[in-house]
């Protein structure tokens, strides 16, 4: 199965409620089987003891080294963890592989007031 073991995604703030998550794809996936593979970006609140929540999924793209997904609707002043989970689809069933490392990002309200 696919693996992102040891891969560290990068997380960048797009605005005060959304981020872009970029990661290096699993280079061992053969081009001719690419349509069966994909990635789900997952997230959770840092303070939450619960499981990661599934965000958007994208297909493996053999023409690129890395993929980027934007996720939104996060609350300000909230610390979140993000990770990427690879999967292979066979007979409409997703077989999940090894997730990437998880990365933290904090959301904050953009302050438009100048500093004195």
N, C-alpha and C. Protein backbone atom coordinates (compact mmCIF):
# COMPACT_ATOMS: atom_id res chain seq x y z
N UNK A 1 0.85 -1.20 0.00
CA UNK A 1 0.00 0.00 0.00
C UNK A 1 0.88 1.25 0.00
N UNK A 2 0.28 2.37 -0.33
CA UNK A 2 1.02 3.62 -0.43
C UNK A 2 1.49 4.08 0.95
N UNK A 3 2.57 4.84 0.97
CA UNK A 3 3.10 5.32 2.24
C UNK A 3 3.66 6.73 2.11
N UNK A 4 3.36 7.55 3.11
CA UNK A 4 3.97 8.87 3.22
C UNK A 4 4.78 8.93 4.51
N UNK A 5 5.23 7.77 4.97
CA UNK A 5 6.00 7.68 6.20
C UNK A 5 7.23 8.58 6.10
N UNK A 6 7.40 9.46 7.09
CA UNK A 6 8.56 10.35 7.10
C UNK A 6 8.40 11.62 6.29
N UNK A 7 7.32 11.72 5.51
CA UNK A 7 7.08 12.93 4.71
C UNK A 7 6.50 14.02 5.63
N UNK A 8 7.08 15.21 5.55
CA UNK A 8 6.63 16.34 6.37
C UNK A 8 5.88 17.31 5.46
N UNK A 9 4.55 17.39 5.56
CA UNK A 9 3.84 18.35 4.72
C UNK A 9 4.16 19.78 5.16
N UNK A 10 4.00 20.73 4.25
CA UNK A 10 4.12 22.12 4.67
C UNK A 10 2.72 22.72 4.72
N UNK A 11 2.47 23.52 5.74
CA UNK A 11 1.16 24.13 5.95
C UNK A 11 1.35 25.64 5.97
N UNK A 12 0.63 26.34 5.09
CA UNK A 12 0.74 27.80 5.01
C UNK A 12 -0.63 28.42 5.17
N UNK A 13 -0.70 29.50 5.95
CA UNK A 13 -1.96 30.22 6.10
C UNK A 13 -2.31 30.93 4.80
N UNK A 14 -3.54 30.73 4.32
CA UNK A 14 -4.03 31.44 3.14
C UNK A 14 -4.71 32.73 3.59
N UNK A 15 -5.54 32.62 4.62
CA UNK A 15 -6.14 33.78 5.29
C UNK A 15 -6.40 33.37 6.74
N UNK A 16 -7.24 34.10 7.45
CA UNK A 16 -7.37 33.79 8.89
C UNK A 16 -8.26 32.59 9.18
N UNK A 17 -8.76 31.91 8.15
CA UNK A 17 -9.56 30.71 8.42
C UNK A 17 -9.23 29.54 7.50
N UNK A 18 -8.23 29.68 6.65
CA UNK A 18 -7.89 28.57 5.75
C UNK A 18 -6.39 28.43 5.54
N UNK A 19 -6.00 27.21 5.16
CA UNK A 19 -4.59 26.90 4.93
C UNK A 19 -4.42 26.15 3.62
N UNK A 20 -3.20 26.19 3.11
CA UNK A 20 -2.83 25.28 2.03
C UNK A 20 -1.88 24.24 2.62
N UNK A 21 -2.12 22.98 2.26
CA UNK A 21 -1.29 21.87 2.72
C UNK A 21 -0.61 21.28 1.49
N UNK A 22 0.74 21.24 1.50
CA UNK A 22 1.51 20.74 0.37
C UNK A 22 2.36 19.56 0.82
N UNK A 23 2.42 18.52 0.01
CA UNK A 23 3.21 17.34 0.38
C UNK A 23 3.81 16.70 -0.87
N UNK A 24 4.87 15.94 -0.66
CA UNK A 24 5.51 15.17 -1.72
C UNK A 24 4.76 13.85 -1.87
N UNK A 25 4.41 13.52 -3.11
CA UNK A 25 3.65 12.30 -3.36
C UNK A 25 4.54 11.05 -3.18
N UNK A 26 3.90 9.91 -3.03
CA UNK A 26 4.61 8.64 -2.94
C UNK A 26 5.19 8.31 -4.32
N UNK A 27 6.51 8.38 -4.45
CA UNK A 27 7.16 8.20 -5.76
C UNK A 27 7.16 6.75 -6.22
N UNK A 28 6.77 5.82 -5.36
CA UNK A 28 6.79 4.41 -5.73
C UNK A 28 5.51 3.95 -6.42
N UNK A 29 4.53 4.84 -6.53
CA UNK A 29 3.28 4.47 -7.20
C UNK A 29 3.52 4.47 -8.71
N UNK A 30 3.28 3.33 -9.38
CA UNK A 30 3.52 3.27 -10.83
C UNK A 30 2.55 4.18 -11.59
N UNK A 31 3.06 4.85 -12.63
CA UNK A 31 2.23 5.77 -13.41
C UNK A 31 0.97 5.09 -13.95
N UNK A 32 1.10 3.82 -14.37
CA UNK A 32 -0.05 3.14 -14.99
C UNK A 32 -1.12 2.75 -13.97
N UNK A 33 -0.82 2.88 -12.68
CA UNK A 33 -1.81 2.58 -11.64
C UNK A 33 -2.25 3.84 -10.88
N UNK A 34 -1.81 5.01 -11.37
CA UNK A 34 -2.03 6.28 -10.64
C UNK A 34 -3.50 6.53 -10.35
N UNK A 35 -4.38 6.12 -11.27
CA UNK A 35 -5.81 6.43 -11.07
C UNK A 35 -6.42 5.70 -9.89
N UNK A 36 -5.73 4.70 -9.36
CA UNK A 36 -6.25 3.95 -8.21
C UNK A 36 -5.79 4.54 -6.87
N UNK A 37 -4.88 5.52 -6.93
CA UNK A 37 -4.28 6.06 -5.72
C UNK A 37 -4.70 7.51 -5.49
N UNK A 38 -4.71 7.89 -4.23
CA UNK A 38 -5.04 9.27 -3.90
C UNK A 38 -4.60 9.59 -2.48
N UNK A 39 -4.96 10.79 -2.05
CA UNK A 39 -4.54 11.29 -0.74
C UNK A 39 -5.71 12.02 -0.09
N UNK A 40 -5.89 11.82 1.20
CA UNK A 40 -6.89 12.56 1.97
C UNK A 40 -6.14 13.43 2.98
N UNK A 41 -6.43 14.74 2.96
CA UNK A 41 -5.85 15.63 3.95
C UNK A 41 -6.73 15.56 5.20
N UNK A 42 -6.12 15.29 6.34
CA UNK A 42 -6.86 15.17 7.59
C UNK A 42 -6.42 16.26 8.56
N UNK A 43 -7.31 16.59 9.49
CA UNK A 43 -6.99 17.63 10.47
C UNK A 43 -7.70 17.34 11.78
N UNK A 44 -7.20 17.93 12.85
CA UNK A 44 -7.89 17.89 14.14
C UNK A 44 -7.38 19.03 14.99
N UNK A 45 -8.20 19.42 15.96
CA UNK A 45 -7.78 20.44 16.91
C UNK A 45 -6.68 19.86 17.79
N UNK A 46 -5.65 20.67 17.99
CA UNK A 46 -4.51 20.21 18.78
C UNK A 46 -4.95 19.74 20.17
N UNK A 47 -5.94 20.42 20.75
CA UNK A 47 -6.37 20.10 22.11
C UNK A 47 -7.31 18.89 22.16
N UNK A 48 -7.73 18.42 20.98
CA UNK A 48 -8.69 17.33 20.94
C UNK A 48 -8.01 15.98 21.08
N UNK A 49 -8.60 15.12 21.90
CA UNK A 49 -8.07 13.77 22.06
C UNK A 49 -8.65 12.85 20.99
N UNK A 50 -9.57 13.37 20.19
CA UNK A 50 -10.25 12.54 19.19
C UNK A 50 -9.40 12.25 17.97
N UNK A 51 -9.99 11.54 17.04
CA UNK A 51 -9.31 11.14 15.82
C UNK A 51 -9.22 12.30 14.84
N UNK A 52 -8.36 12.14 13.84
CA UNK A 52 -8.30 13.10 12.75
C UNK A 52 -9.61 13.07 11.96
N UNK A 53 -9.99 14.22 11.42
CA UNK A 53 -11.20 14.36 10.60
C UNK A 53 -10.76 14.40 9.14
N UNK A 54 -11.49 13.68 8.28
CA UNK A 54 -11.16 13.68 6.86
C UNK A 54 -11.53 15.00 6.22
N UNK A 55 -10.56 15.61 5.54
CA UNK A 55 -10.81 16.79 4.73
C UNK A 55 -10.93 16.35 3.27
N UNK A 56 -10.53 17.20 2.33
CA UNK A 56 -10.66 16.86 0.92
C UNK A 56 -9.69 15.76 0.49
N UNK A 57 -10.10 15.02 -0.54
CA UNK A 57 -9.24 14.00 -1.15
C UNK A 57 -8.90 14.41 -2.58
N UNK A 58 -7.70 14.04 -3.02
CA UNK A 58 -7.27 14.31 -4.38
C UNK A 58 -6.61 13.06 -4.95
N UNK A 59 -6.64 12.93 -6.29
CA UNK A 59 -6.00 11.80 -6.95
C UNK A 59 -4.50 11.98 -7.01
N UNK A 60 -3.78 10.87 -7.00
CA UNK A 60 -2.35 10.88 -7.25
C UNK A 60 -2.12 11.45 -8.65
N UNK A 61 -1.13 12.32 -8.80
CA UNK A 61 -0.85 12.94 -10.10
C UNK A 61 0.59 12.65 -10.49
N UNK A 62 0.79 11.67 -11.40
CA UNK A 62 2.16 11.27 -11.76
C UNK A 62 2.96 12.37 -12.47
N UNK A 63 2.28 13.44 -12.93
CA UNK A 63 3.01 14.51 -13.63
C UNK A 63 3.63 15.52 -12.66
N UNK A 64 3.36 15.36 -11.35
CA UNK A 64 3.88 16.32 -10.37
C UNK A 64 4.62 15.60 -9.25
N UNK A 65 5.58 16.30 -8.65
CA UNK A 65 6.27 15.76 -7.47
C UNK A 65 5.42 15.97 -6.22
N UNK A 66 4.75 17.13 -6.16
CA UNK A 66 4.02 17.51 -4.95
C UNK A 66 2.60 17.94 -5.30
N UNK A 67 1.72 17.85 -4.33
CA UNK A 67 0.34 18.31 -4.48
C UNK A 67 0.02 19.30 -3.37
N UNK A 68 -0.94 20.19 -3.66
CA UNK A 68 -1.39 21.18 -2.67
C UNK A 68 -2.91 21.18 -2.62
N UNK A 69 -3.45 21.22 -1.40
CA UNK A 69 -4.89 21.30 -1.19
C UNK A 69 -5.15 22.45 -0.23
N UNK A 70 -6.22 23.23 -0.48
CA UNK A 70 -6.61 24.30 0.43
C UNK A 70 -7.83 23.86 1.22
N UNK A 71 -7.78 24.03 2.54
CA UNK A 71 -8.90 23.70 3.43
C UNK A 71 -9.27 24.96 4.21
N UNK A 72 -10.57 25.18 4.37
CA UNK A 72 -11.00 26.39 5.06
C UNK A 72 -11.96 26.14 6.20
N UNK A 73 -12.57 27.23 6.66
CA UNK A 73 -13.57 27.22 7.74
C UNK A 73 -13.00 26.87 9.10
N UNK A 74 -11.77 27.29 9.38
CA UNK A 74 -11.21 27.09 10.71
C UNK A 74 -11.48 28.33 11.57
N UNK A 75 -11.58 28.12 12.86
CA UNK A 75 -11.84 29.23 13.77
C UNK A 75 -10.52 29.90 14.16
N UNK A 76 -10.54 31.22 14.33
CA UNK A 76 -9.33 31.91 14.81
C UNK A 76 -8.96 31.45 16.21
N UNK A 77 -7.72 31.65 16.56
CA UNK A 77 -7.19 31.28 17.88
C UNK A 77 -7.34 29.79 18.15
N UNK A 78 -7.22 29.01 17.12
CA UNK A 78 -7.36 27.57 17.26
C UNK A 78 -6.11 26.92 16.67
N UNK A 79 -5.51 26.02 17.43
CA UNK A 79 -4.32 25.31 16.95
C UNK A 79 -4.79 23.98 16.36
N UNK A 80 -4.39 23.72 15.13
CA UNK A 80 -4.80 22.49 14.46
C UNK A 80 -3.59 21.69 14.00
N UNK A 81 -3.79 20.38 13.90
CA UNK A 81 -2.78 19.50 13.33
C UNK A 81 -3.28 19.02 11.98
N UNK A 82 -2.35 18.89 11.03
CA UNK A 82 -2.69 18.42 9.69
C UNK A 82 -1.78 17.26 9.32
N UNK A 83 -2.34 16.31 8.59
CA UNK A 83 -1.52 15.23 8.03
C UNK A 83 -2.18 14.76 6.74
N UNK A 84 -1.42 13.99 5.96
CA UNK A 84 -1.92 13.49 4.69
C UNK A 84 -1.92 11.96 4.74
N UNK A 85 -3.03 11.38 4.35
CA UNK A 85 -3.20 9.93 4.39
C UNK A 85 -3.35 9.39 2.97
N UNK A 86 -2.41 8.55 2.50
CA UNK A 86 -2.53 8.00 1.15
C UNK A 86 -3.50 6.82 1.14
N UNK A 87 -4.12 6.58 0.00
CA UNK A 87 -5.00 5.42 -0.11
C UNK A 87 -4.95 4.83 -1.52
N UNK A 88 -5.38 3.57 -1.60
CA UNK A 88 -5.55 2.90 -2.88
C UNK A 88 -7.00 2.43 -2.93
N UNK A 89 -7.66 2.68 -4.05
CA UNK A 89 -9.06 2.27 -4.18
C UNK A 89 -9.15 1.00 -5.02
N UNK A 90 -9.75 -0.02 -4.44
CA UNK A 90 -9.99 -1.28 -5.16
C UNK A 90 -11.44 -1.67 -4.93
N UNK A 91 -12.19 -1.87 -6.02
CA UNK A 91 -13.60 -2.26 -5.91
C UNK A 91 -14.38 -1.31 -4.99
N UNK A 92 -14.13 0.00 -5.17
CA UNK A 92 -14.82 1.05 -4.40
C UNK A 92 -14.51 1.02 -2.91
N UNK A 93 -13.46 0.32 -2.51
CA UNK A 93 -13.04 0.30 -1.11
C UNK A 93 -11.68 0.97 -1.00
N UNK A 94 -11.55 1.91 -0.05
CA UNK A 94 -10.27 2.60 0.14
C UNK A 94 -9.40 1.82 1.12
N UNK A 95 -8.20 1.48 0.67
CA UNK A 95 -7.21 0.83 1.52
C UNK A 95 -6.19 1.89 1.90
N UNK A 96 -6.20 2.32 3.17
CA UNK A 96 -5.32 3.41 3.60
C UNK A 96 -3.93 2.90 3.92
N UNK A 97 -2.93 3.72 3.55
CA UNK A 97 -1.53 3.39 3.82
C UNK A 97 -1.01 4.16 5.03
N UNK A 98 0.31 4.35 5.06
CA UNK A 98 0.96 5.04 6.17
C UNK A 98 0.81 6.56 6.01
N UNK A 99 0.31 7.26 7.06
CA UNK A 99 0.15 8.71 6.96
C UNK A 99 1.48 9.45 7.03
N UNK A 100 1.44 10.70 6.59
CA UNK A 100 2.60 11.57 6.73
C UNK A 100 2.78 11.96 8.20
N UNK A 101 3.85 12.69 8.48
CA UNK A 101 3.99 13.32 9.80
C UNK A 101 2.85 14.34 9.95
N UNK A 102 2.51 14.69 11.19
CA UNK A 102 1.50 15.73 11.37
C UNK A 102 2.19 17.06 11.67
N UNK A 103 1.58 18.13 11.16
CA UNK A 103 2.15 19.47 11.28
C UNK A 103 1.11 20.36 11.95
N UNK A 104 1.55 21.24 12.86
CA UNK A 104 0.64 22.14 13.57
C UNK A 104 0.60 23.51 12.92
N UNK A 105 -0.56 24.14 12.98
CA UNK A 105 -0.71 25.51 12.50
C UNK A 105 -1.73 26.20 13.38
N UNK A 106 -1.43 27.43 13.75
CA UNK A 106 -2.35 28.20 14.59
C UNK A 106 -3.03 29.27 13.76
N UNK A 107 -4.33 29.42 13.96
CA UNK A 107 -5.09 30.46 13.26
C UNK A 107 -5.26 31.66 14.17
N UNK A 108 -5.20 32.82 13.59
CA UNK A 108 -5.35 34.03 14.39
C UNK A 108 -6.06 35.06 13.53
N UNK A 109 -6.75 35.96 14.17
CA UNK A 109 -7.42 37.04 13.44
C UNK A 109 -6.36 38.03 12.95
N UNK A 110 -6.40 38.33 11.67
CA UNK A 110 -5.47 39.34 11.14
C UNK A 110 -5.81 40.68 11.77
N UNK A 111 -4.83 41.34 12.32
CA UNK A 111 -5.07 42.63 12.97
C UNK A 111 -4.67 43.75 12.03
N UNK A 112 -5.61 44.62 11.70
CA UNK A 112 -5.33 45.68 10.74
C UNK A 112 -4.83 46.96 11.41
N UNK A 113 -4.78 46.96 12.75
CA UNK A 113 -4.32 48.16 13.45
C UNK A 113 -2.80 48.26 13.39
N UNK A 114 -2.29 49.45 13.09
CA UNK A 114 -0.85 49.66 13.06
C UNK A 114 -0.28 49.67 14.47
N UNK A 115 1.00 49.33 14.56
CA UNK A 115 1.67 49.37 15.89
C UNK A 115 2.15 50.79 16.16
N UNK A 116 1.99 51.23 17.38
CA UNK A 116 2.44 52.58 17.73
C UNK A 116 3.91 52.54 18.15
